[in-house]
Structures are given as C-alpha cells and as structure tokens.
Amino acid sequence: MSPEQRAANAALMKRLGVVVLAMFGFGFALVPFYEKICEVTGIRNIDGPASRPLASTQVDASRKVRIELDANVRAMAWTFRPAQPVIDVHPGQLGQVTYEVVNTTDRPVTGQAIPSYAPQEAAQYFRKLDCFCFATQTLQPGERREMPVVFVIDPSVPADLPAIALSYTFFEVEGGKLAAAPSASREKP
C-alpha cells in the first residue's frame, strides 16, 4: 500500500471515529430531549406517578353488582370451595376471588373446571382476565391449592341485573379428555 493510500485510510478512520462518537453522544442527548418533549406536550408526567393518582374512567361507582360464588365436583374425591362466598364489585372495577381445592385421594388427579352463570345473560357481562378454568389442573395426593379468578363486570351491565351467580364444577380429566361418568350397567364376560 502506498503512503498516500495509508494517509487517506487514516483520515477516513478518524472521520468515521468522529461519526461514531457523535452518534453515541446523540443517543445520550435524546433522553433529556424526549423527557422535555413529553413534559411540554403532557404525554408523560415528569414528576412521577405519585403526583397524579391513577383512576379508571370506566368504573361505575354509582352502583354495585353482587357476585355469588359456588363450587361443585362431579365424580371426584376433591374438596372445592370459594374462599369467600359473596363479593360486591362496581361495574368496570377489577375484581378477584379465590377458590380452594384439595385432592383428598392417594393418587394424582387431573381436573377441569367448567363455569356457569345465573342468570344466563350474565355471562356476556362477566369478563374473566385470568382463571384456573382456562387449563386443566393436576393435584398430587393431598395437595391443597388456592386458585384465583380475576375478572371485570362490563360497565354496560343492565341496572336490573344486581347479582350474578358464578358456579364452577370440576370434572376429572383422563388423558386430556373428560372422564366418562360411572355407569350402572356392566358388560357381561
């Protein structure tokens, strides 16, 4: 390589180094610039969340809906019950209830919970965000588990629907399918 070529390469490397340093500095300068833009436009409260209380504008605080909880098991040796049988929530308010289940057998058992609502039209206003009923539950012998249901009652729930009954029934699951109910008839050999 000729001396002129080396000098040109060195000059190019210096210019590229300056560009890299400028880009790095610009990246750091963007943080306070972004903070200032957000403060001026009101997009973000620069003082932090403590200075501005959070409130949901969809909660209807003028009324409450009574949620009555029930739990059943079908052909299973589990005990299953709600931790609290009744809860009152405002429409639009985030609610949470807990169910307790215990496997009273000496073997692992897998079950699936199926929800039902009363009155039936209440189902369209009961929005579950997280629920143990979304998946099968396997409990080891003697295992006790608390399982939450996180929900919201749709703010459009009619005023003439003051109470919703939420009932879960656990069924035993075998091989990923609901187990057949024991039949009274037996096959002859």
C-alpha atoms as a PDB file:
ATOM      1  CA  MET A   1       0.000   0.000   0.000  1.00  0.00           C
ATOM      2  CA  SER A   2       1.333   3.442  -0.903  1.00  0.00           C
ATOM      3  CA  PRO A   3       1.927   6.185   1.692  1.00  0.00           C
ATOM      4  CA  GLU A   4      -0.841   8.311   0.118  1.00  0.00           C
ATOM      5  CA  GLN A   5      -3.266   5.386   0.454  1.00  0.00           C
ATOM      6  CA  ARG A   6      -2.299   4.896   4.116  1.00  0.00           C
ATOM      7  CA  ALA A   7      -2.822   8.601   4.832  1.00  0.00           C
ATOM      8  CA  ALA A   8      -6.239   8.519   3.142  1.00  0.00           C
ATOM      9  CA  ASN A   9      -7.245   5.410   5.140  1.00  0.00           C
ATOM     10  CA  ALA A  10      -6.104   7.033   8.397  1.00  0.00           C
ATOM     11  CA  ALA A  11      -8.071  10.209   7.621  1.00  0.00           C
ATOM     12  CA  LEU A  12     -11.153   8.107   6.797  1.00  0.00           C
ATOM     13  CA  MET A  13     -10.794   6.187  10.085  1.00  0.00           C
ATOM     14  CA  LYS A  14     -10.585   9.480  12.013  1.00  0.00           C
ATOM     15  CA  ARG A  15     -13.735  10.791  10.307  1.00  0.00           C
ATOM     16  CA  LEU A  16     -15.581   7.514  10.979  1.00  0.00           C
ATOM     17  CA  GLY A  17     -14.455   7.616  14.624  1.00  0.00           C
ATOM     18  CA  VAL A  18     -15.834  11.154  14.964  1.00  0.00           C
ATOM     19  CA  VAL A  19     -19.156   9.995  13.412  1.00  0.00           C
ATOM     20  CA  VAL A  20     -19.363   7.075  15.853  1.00  0.00           C
ATOM     21  CA  LEU A  21     -18.679   9.361  18.836  1.00  0.00           C
ATOM     22  CA  ALA A  22     -21.248  11.872  17.570  1.00  0.00           C
ATOM     23  CA  MET A  23     -23.883   9.138  17.173  1.00  0.00           C
ATOM     24  CA  PHE A  24     -23.139   7.834  20.668  1.00  0.00           C
ATOM     25  CA  GLY A  25     -23.421  11.343  22.139  1.00  0.00           C
ATOM     26  CA  PHE A  26     -26.639  11.983  20.203  1.00  0.00           C
ATOM     27  CA  GLY A  27     -28.125   8.786  21.716  1.00  0.00           C
ATOM     28  CA  PHE A  28     -27.451  10.104  25.217  1.00  0.00           C
ATOM     29  CA  ALA A  29     -28.765  13.560  24.308  1.00  0.00           C
ATOM     30  CA  LEU A  30     -32.090  12.056  23.167  1.00  0.00           C
ATOM     31  CA  VAL A  31     -33.096  11.037  26.707  1.00  0.00           C
ATOM     32  CA  PRO A  32     -33.400  14.553  28.192  1.00  0.00           C
ATOM     33  CA  PHE A  33     -34.750  15.828  24.872  1.00  0.00           C
ATOM     34  CA  TYR A  34     -37.507  13.159  24.948  1.00  0.00           C
ATOM     35  CA  GLU A  35     -38.285  13.953  28.609  1.00  0.00           C
ATOM     36  CA  LYS A  36     -38.676  17.645  27.771  1.00  0.00           C
ATOM     37  CA  ILE A  37     -40.963  16.959  24.786  1.00  0.00           C
ATOM     38  CA  CYS A  38     -43.151  14.682  26.909  1.00  0.00           C
ATOM     39  CA  GLU A  39     -43.346  17.279  29.676  1.00  0.00           C
ATOM     40  CA  VAL A  40     -44.287  20.085  27.276  1.00  0.00           C
ATOM     41  CA  THR A  41     -46.917  18.061  25.390  1.00  0.00           C
ATOM     42  CA  GLY A  42     -48.362  16.493  28.559  1.00  0.00           C
ATOM     43  CA  ILE A  43     -47.822  12.958  27.308  1.00  0.00           C
ATOM     44  CA  ARG A  44     -45.981  11.935  30.430  1.00  0.00           C
ATOM     45  CA  ASN A  45     -45.932  13.328  33.938  1.00  0.00           C
ATOM     46  CA  ILE A  46     -42.235  14.056  34.549  1.00  0.00           C
ATOM     47  CA  ASP A  47     -42.749  14.201  38.340  1.00  0.00           C
ATOM     48  CA  GLY A  48     -43.636  10.517  38.505  1.00  0.00           C
ATOM     49  CA  PRO A  49     -46.795   8.536  39.147  1.00  0.00           C
ATOM     50  CA  ALA A  50     -47.185   9.646  42.777  1.00  0.00           C
ATOM     51  CA  SER A  51     -48.058  13.209  41.779  1.00  0.00           C
ATOM     52  CA  ARG A  52     -51.009  12.142  39.624  1.00  0.00           C
ATOM     53  CA  PRO A  53     -53.340   9.469  41.037  1.00  0.00           C
ATOM     54  CA  LEU A  54     -54.463   6.757  38.660  1.00  0.00           C
ATOM     55  CA  ALA A  55     -58.173   6.322  38.166  1.00  0.00           C
ATOM     56  CA  SER A  56     -60.205   4.236  35.792  1.00  0.00           C
ATOM     57  CA  THR A  57     -62.752   6.274  33.928  1.00  0.00           C
ATOM     58  CA  GLN A  58     -64.821   3.160  33.161  1.00  0.00           C
ATOM     59  CA  VAL A  59     -65.700   2.204  36.750  1.00  0.00           C
ATOM     60  CA  ASP A  60     -69.345   2.908  37.574  1.00  0.00           C
ATOM     61  CA  ALA A  61     -69.026   3.816  41.260  1.00  0.00           C
ATOM     62  CA  SER A  62     -72.708   4.697  41.488  1.00  0.00           C
ATOM     63  CA  ARG A  63     -73.770   1.025  41.716  1.00  0.00           C
ATOM     64  CA  LYS A  64     -72.558  -2.415  42.735  1.00  0.00           C
ATOM     65  CA  VAL A  65     -73.097  -5.902  41.402  1.00  0.00           C
ATOM     66  CA  ARG A  66     -73.225  -8.757  43.876  1.00  0.00           C
ATOM     67  CA  ILE A  67     -71.172 -11.797  42.796  1.00  0.00           C
ATOM     68  CA  GLU A  68     -72.307 -15.036  44.459  1.00  0.00           C
ATOM     69  CA  LEU A  69     -69.786 -17.875  44.226  1.00  0.00           C
ATOM     70  CA  ASP A  70     -70.425 -21.612  44.169  1.00  0.00           C
ATOM     71  CA  ALA A  71     -68.199 -24.673  43.745  1.00  0.00           C
ATOM     72  CA  ASN A  72     -69.009 -28.307  42.886  1.00  0.00           C
ATOM     73  CA  VAL A  73     -67.163 -31.505  41.982  1.00  0.00           C
ATOM     74  CA  ARG A  74     -68.539 -34.357  39.848  1.00  0.00           C
ATOM     75  CA  ALA A  75     -67.358 -37.924  40.478  1.00  0.00           C
ATOM     76  CA  MET A  76     -64.126 -36.686  42.105  1.00  0.00           C
ATOM     77  CA  ALA A  77     -62.658 -37.013  45.588  1.00  0.00           C
ATOM     78  CA  TRP A  78     -61.686 -33.346  45.782  1.00  0.00           C
ATOM     79  CA  THR A  79     -62.932 -30.698  48.144  1.00  0.00           C
ATOM     80  CA  PHE A  80     -63.575 -27.448  46.318  1.00  0.00           C
ATOM     81  CA  ARG A  81     -64.941 -24.189  47.704  1.00  0.00           C
ATOM     82  CA  PRO A  82     -64.740 -20.425  47.259  1.00  0.00           C
ATOM     83  CA  ALA A  83     -62.666 -18.638  49.896  1.00  0.00           C
ATOM     84  CA  GLN A  84     -65.399 -16.013  50.085  1.00  0.00           C
ATOM     85  CA  PRO A  85     -68.988 -16.889  49.053  1.00  0.00           C
ATOM     86  CA  VAL A  86     -70.063 -13.335  48.127  1.00  0.00           C
ATOM     87  CA  ILE A  87     -68.283 -10.245  46.834  1.00  0.00           C
ATOM     88  CA  ASP A  88     -69.629  -6.852  45.740  1.00  0.00           C
ATOM     89  CA  VAL A  89     -67.922  -5.014  42.858  1.00  0.00           C
ATOM     90  CA  HIS A  90     -68.607  -1.860  40.901  1.00  0.00           C
ATOM     91  CA  PRO A  91     -69.116  -2.406  37.159  1.00  0.00           C
ATOM     92  CA  GLY A  92     -65.773  -1.789  35.448  1.00  0.00           C
ATOM     93  CA  GLN A  93     -63.802  -2.459  38.645  1.00  0.00           C
ATOM     94  CA  LEU A  94     -61.133  -5.149  38.620  1.00  0.00           C
ATOM     95  CA  GLY A  95     -62.241  -7.964  40.926  1.00  0.00           C
ATOM     96  CA  GLN A  96     -60.522 -11.059  42.234  1.00  0.00           C
ATOM     97  CA  VAL A  97     -61.838 -14.106  44.044  1.00  0.00           C
ATOM     98  CA  THR A  98     -60.022 -17.219  45.205  1.00  0.00           C
ATOM     99  CA  TYR A  99     -61.132 -20.826  45.218  1.00  0.00           C
ATOM    100  CA  GLU A 100     -59.535 -23.532  47.344  1.00  0.00           C
ATOM    101  CA  VAL A 101     -59.202 -27.101  46.105  1.00  0.00           C
ATOM    102  CA  VAL A 102     -57.780 -30.163  47.894  1.00  0.00           C
ATOM    103  CA  ASN A 103     -57.054 -33.582  46.389  1.00  0.00           C
ATOM    104  CA  THR A 104     -58.217 -35.988  49.094  1.00  0.00           C
ATOM    105  CA  THR A 105     -57.084 -39.113  47.212  1.00  0.00           C
ATOM    106  CA  ASP A 106     -53.818 -41.050  47.413  1.00  0.00           C
ATOM    107  CA  ARG A 107     -53.109 -40.559  43.677  1.00  0.00           C
ATOM    108  CA  PRO A 108     -52.511 -37.601  41.341  1.00  0.00           C
ATOM    109  CA  VAL A 109     -55.761 -36.391  39.785  1.00  0.00           C
ATOM    110  CA  THR A 110     -56.286 -34.002  36.866  1.00  0.00           C
ATOM    111  CA  GLY A 111     -59.456 -31.961  36.677  1.00  0.00           C
ATOM    112  CA  GLN A 112     -61.049 -29.299  34.515  1.00  0.00           C
ATOM    113  CA  ALA A 113     -63.362 -26.614  35.876  1.00  0.00           C
ATOM    114  CA  ILE A 114     -66.382 -25.589  33.826  1.00  0.00           C
ATOM    115  CA  PRO A 115     -68.017 -22.240  34.693  1.00  0.00           C
ATOM    116  CA  SER A 116     -71.710 -21.442  34.600  1.00  0.00           C
ATOM    117  CA  TYR A 117     -73.594 -18.236  35.278  1.00  0.00           C
ATOM    118  CA  ALA A 118     -77.012 -17.358  36.587  1.00  0.00           C
ATOM    119  CA  PRO A 119     -78.917 -15.720  35.117  1.00  0.00           C
ATOM    120  CA  GLN A 120     -77.630 -16.966  31.757  1.00  0.00           C
ATOM    121  CA  GLU A 121     -77.436 -13.493  30.200  1.00  0.00           C
ATOM    122  CA  ALA A 122     -74.931 -12.513  32.910  1.00  0.00           C
ATOM    123  CA  ALA A 123     -72.207 -14.461  31.076  1.00  0.00           C
ATOM    124  CA  GLN A 124     -71.922 -11.734  28.443  1.00  0.00           C
ATOM    125  CA  TYR A 125     -71.083  -9.132  31.121  1.00  0.00           C
ATOM    126  CA  PHE A 126     -68.640 -11.255  33.174  1.00  0.00           C
ATOM    127  CA  ARG A 127     -65.146 -10.845  31.658  1.00  0.00           C
ATOM    128  CA  LYS A 128     -62.533 -13.231  33.076  1.00  0.00           C
ATOM    129  CA  LEU A 129     -58.989 -11.948  32.654  1.00  0.00           C
ATOM    130  CA  ASP A 130     -57.317 -14.863  34.438  1.00  0.00           C
ATOM    131  CA  CYS A 131     -58.935 -18.078  35.591  1.00  0.00           C
ATOM    132  CA  PHE A 132     -57.927 -21.548  36.726  1.00  0.00           C
ATOM    133  CA  CYS A 133     -60.661 -22.812  34.395  1.00  0.00           C
ATOM    134  CA  PHE A 134     -58.574 -21.873  31.340  1.00  0.00           C
ATOM    135  CA  ALA A 135     -56.451 -25.025  31.785  1.00  0.00           C
ATOM    136  CA  THR A 136     -56.591 -28.437  33.413  1.00  0.00           C
ATOM    137  CA  GLN A 137     -55.363 -28.664  36.999  1.00  0.00           C
ATOM    138  CA  THR A 138     -53.315 -31.613  38.271  1.00  0.00           C
ATOM    139  CA  LEU A 139     -53.128 -32.053  42.027  1.00  0.00           C
ATOM    140  CA  GLN A 140     -50.832 -34.509  43.751  1.00  0.00           C
ATOM    141  CA  PRO A 141     -52.133 -36.716  46.594  1.00  0.00           C
ATOM    142  CA  GLY A 142     -53.196 -34.472  49.485  1.00  0.00           C
ATOM    143  CA  GLU A 143     -52.209 -31.290  47.641  1.00  0.00           C
ATOM    144  CA  ARG A 144     -54.082 -28.083  48.521  1.00  0.00           C
ATOM    145  CA  ARG A 145     -54.118 -25.166  46.109  1.00  0.00           C
ATOM    146  CA  GLU A 146     -55.599 -21.657  46.057  1.00  0.00           C
ATOM    147  CA  MET A 147     -56.684 -20.649  42.581  1.00  0.00           C
ATOM    148  CA  PRO A 148     -57.617 -17.064  41.639  1.00  0.00           C
ATOM    149  CA  VAL A 149     -60.180 -15.720  39.206  1.00  0.00           C
ATOM    150  CA  VAL A 150     -59.509 -12.159  38.042  1.00  0.00           C
ATOM    151  CA  PHE A 151     -62.468 -10.512  36.359  1.00  0.00           C
ATOM    152  CA  VAL A 152     -64.258  -7.319  35.392  1.00  0.00           C
ATOM    153  CA  ILE A 153     -68.007  -6.790  35.183  1.00  0.00           C
ATOM    154  CA  ASP A 154     -68.705  -4.940  31.941  1.00  0.00           C
ATOM    155  CA  PRO A 155     -69.871  -1.382  32.725  1.00  0.00           C
ATOM    156  CA  SER A 156     -72.729  -1.883  30.261  1.00  0.00           C
ATOM    157  CA  VAL A 157     -74.337  -4.461  32.585  1.00  0.00           C
ATOM    158  CA  PRO A 158     -78.040  -3.558  32.907  1.00  0.00           C
ATOM    159  CA  ALA A 159     -79.164  -1.967  36.165  1.00  0.00           C
ATOM    160  CA  ASP A 160     -81.834  -4.675  36.502  1.00  0.00           C
ATOM    161  CA  LEU A 161     -79.060  -7.276  36.905  1.00  0.00           C
ATOM    162  CA  PRO A 162     -77.980  -6.585  40.507  1.00  0.00           C
ATOM    163  CA  ALA A 163     -76.487 -10.051  41.159  1.00  0.00           C
ATOM    164  CA  ILE A 164     -74.553 -12.682  39.203  1.00  0.00           C
ATOM    165  CA  ALA A 165     -74.025 -16.246  40.398  1.00  0.00           C
ATOM    166  CA  LEU A 166     -70.732 -17.757  39.255  1.00  0.00           C
ATOM    167  CA  SER A 167     -70.520 -21.505  39.695  1.00  0.00           C
ATOM    168  CA  TYR A 168     -67.635 -23.823  38.844  1.00  0.00           C
ATOM    169  CA  THR A 169     -67.907 -27.581  38.531  1.00  0.00           C
ATOM    170  CA  PHE A 170     -64.735 -29.677  38.456  1.00  0.00           C
ATOM    171  CA  PHE A 171     -64.749 -32.852  36.358  1.00  0.00           C
ATOM    172  CA  GLU A 172     -61.986 -35.428  36.339  1.00  0.00           C
ATOM    173  CA  VAL A 173     -59.943 -35.484  33.147  1.00  0.00           C
ATOM    174  CA  GLU A 174     -58.279 -38.646  31.841  1.00  0.00           C
ATOM    175  CA  GLY A 175     -55.726 -38.406  29.060  1.00  0.00           C
ATOM    176  CA  GLY A 176     -56.747 -34.835  28.216  1.00  0.00           C
ATOM    177  CA  LYS A 177     -60.459 -35.714  27.873  1.00  0.00           C
ATOM    178  CA  LEU A 178     -63.274 -35.513  30.367  1.00  0.00           C
ATOM    179  CA  ALA A 179     -63.721 -38.837  32.143  1.00  0.00           C
ATOM    180  CA  ALA A 180     -66.912 -40.751  31.436  1.00  0.00           C
ATOM    181  CA  ALA A 181     -69.372 -40.854  34.302  1.00  0.00           C
ATOM    182  CA  PRO A 182     -69.561 -44.245  36.001  1.00  0.00           C
ATOM    183  CA  SER A 183     -72.414 -46.258  34.533  1.00  0.00           C
ATOM    184  CA  ALA A 184     -74.784 -48.547  36.375  1.00  0.00           C
ATOM    185  CA  SER A 185     -74.639 -51.256  33.720  1.00  0.00           C
ATOM    186  CA  ARG A 186     -71.735 -53.680  33.437  1.00  0.00           C
ATOM    187  CA  GLU A 187     -70.577 -55.653  30.464  1.00  0.00           C
ATOM    188  CA  LYS A 188     -71.076 -59.399  30.718  1.00  0.00           C
ATOM    189  CA  PRO A 189     -67.965 -61.562  30.172  1.00  0.00           C
END
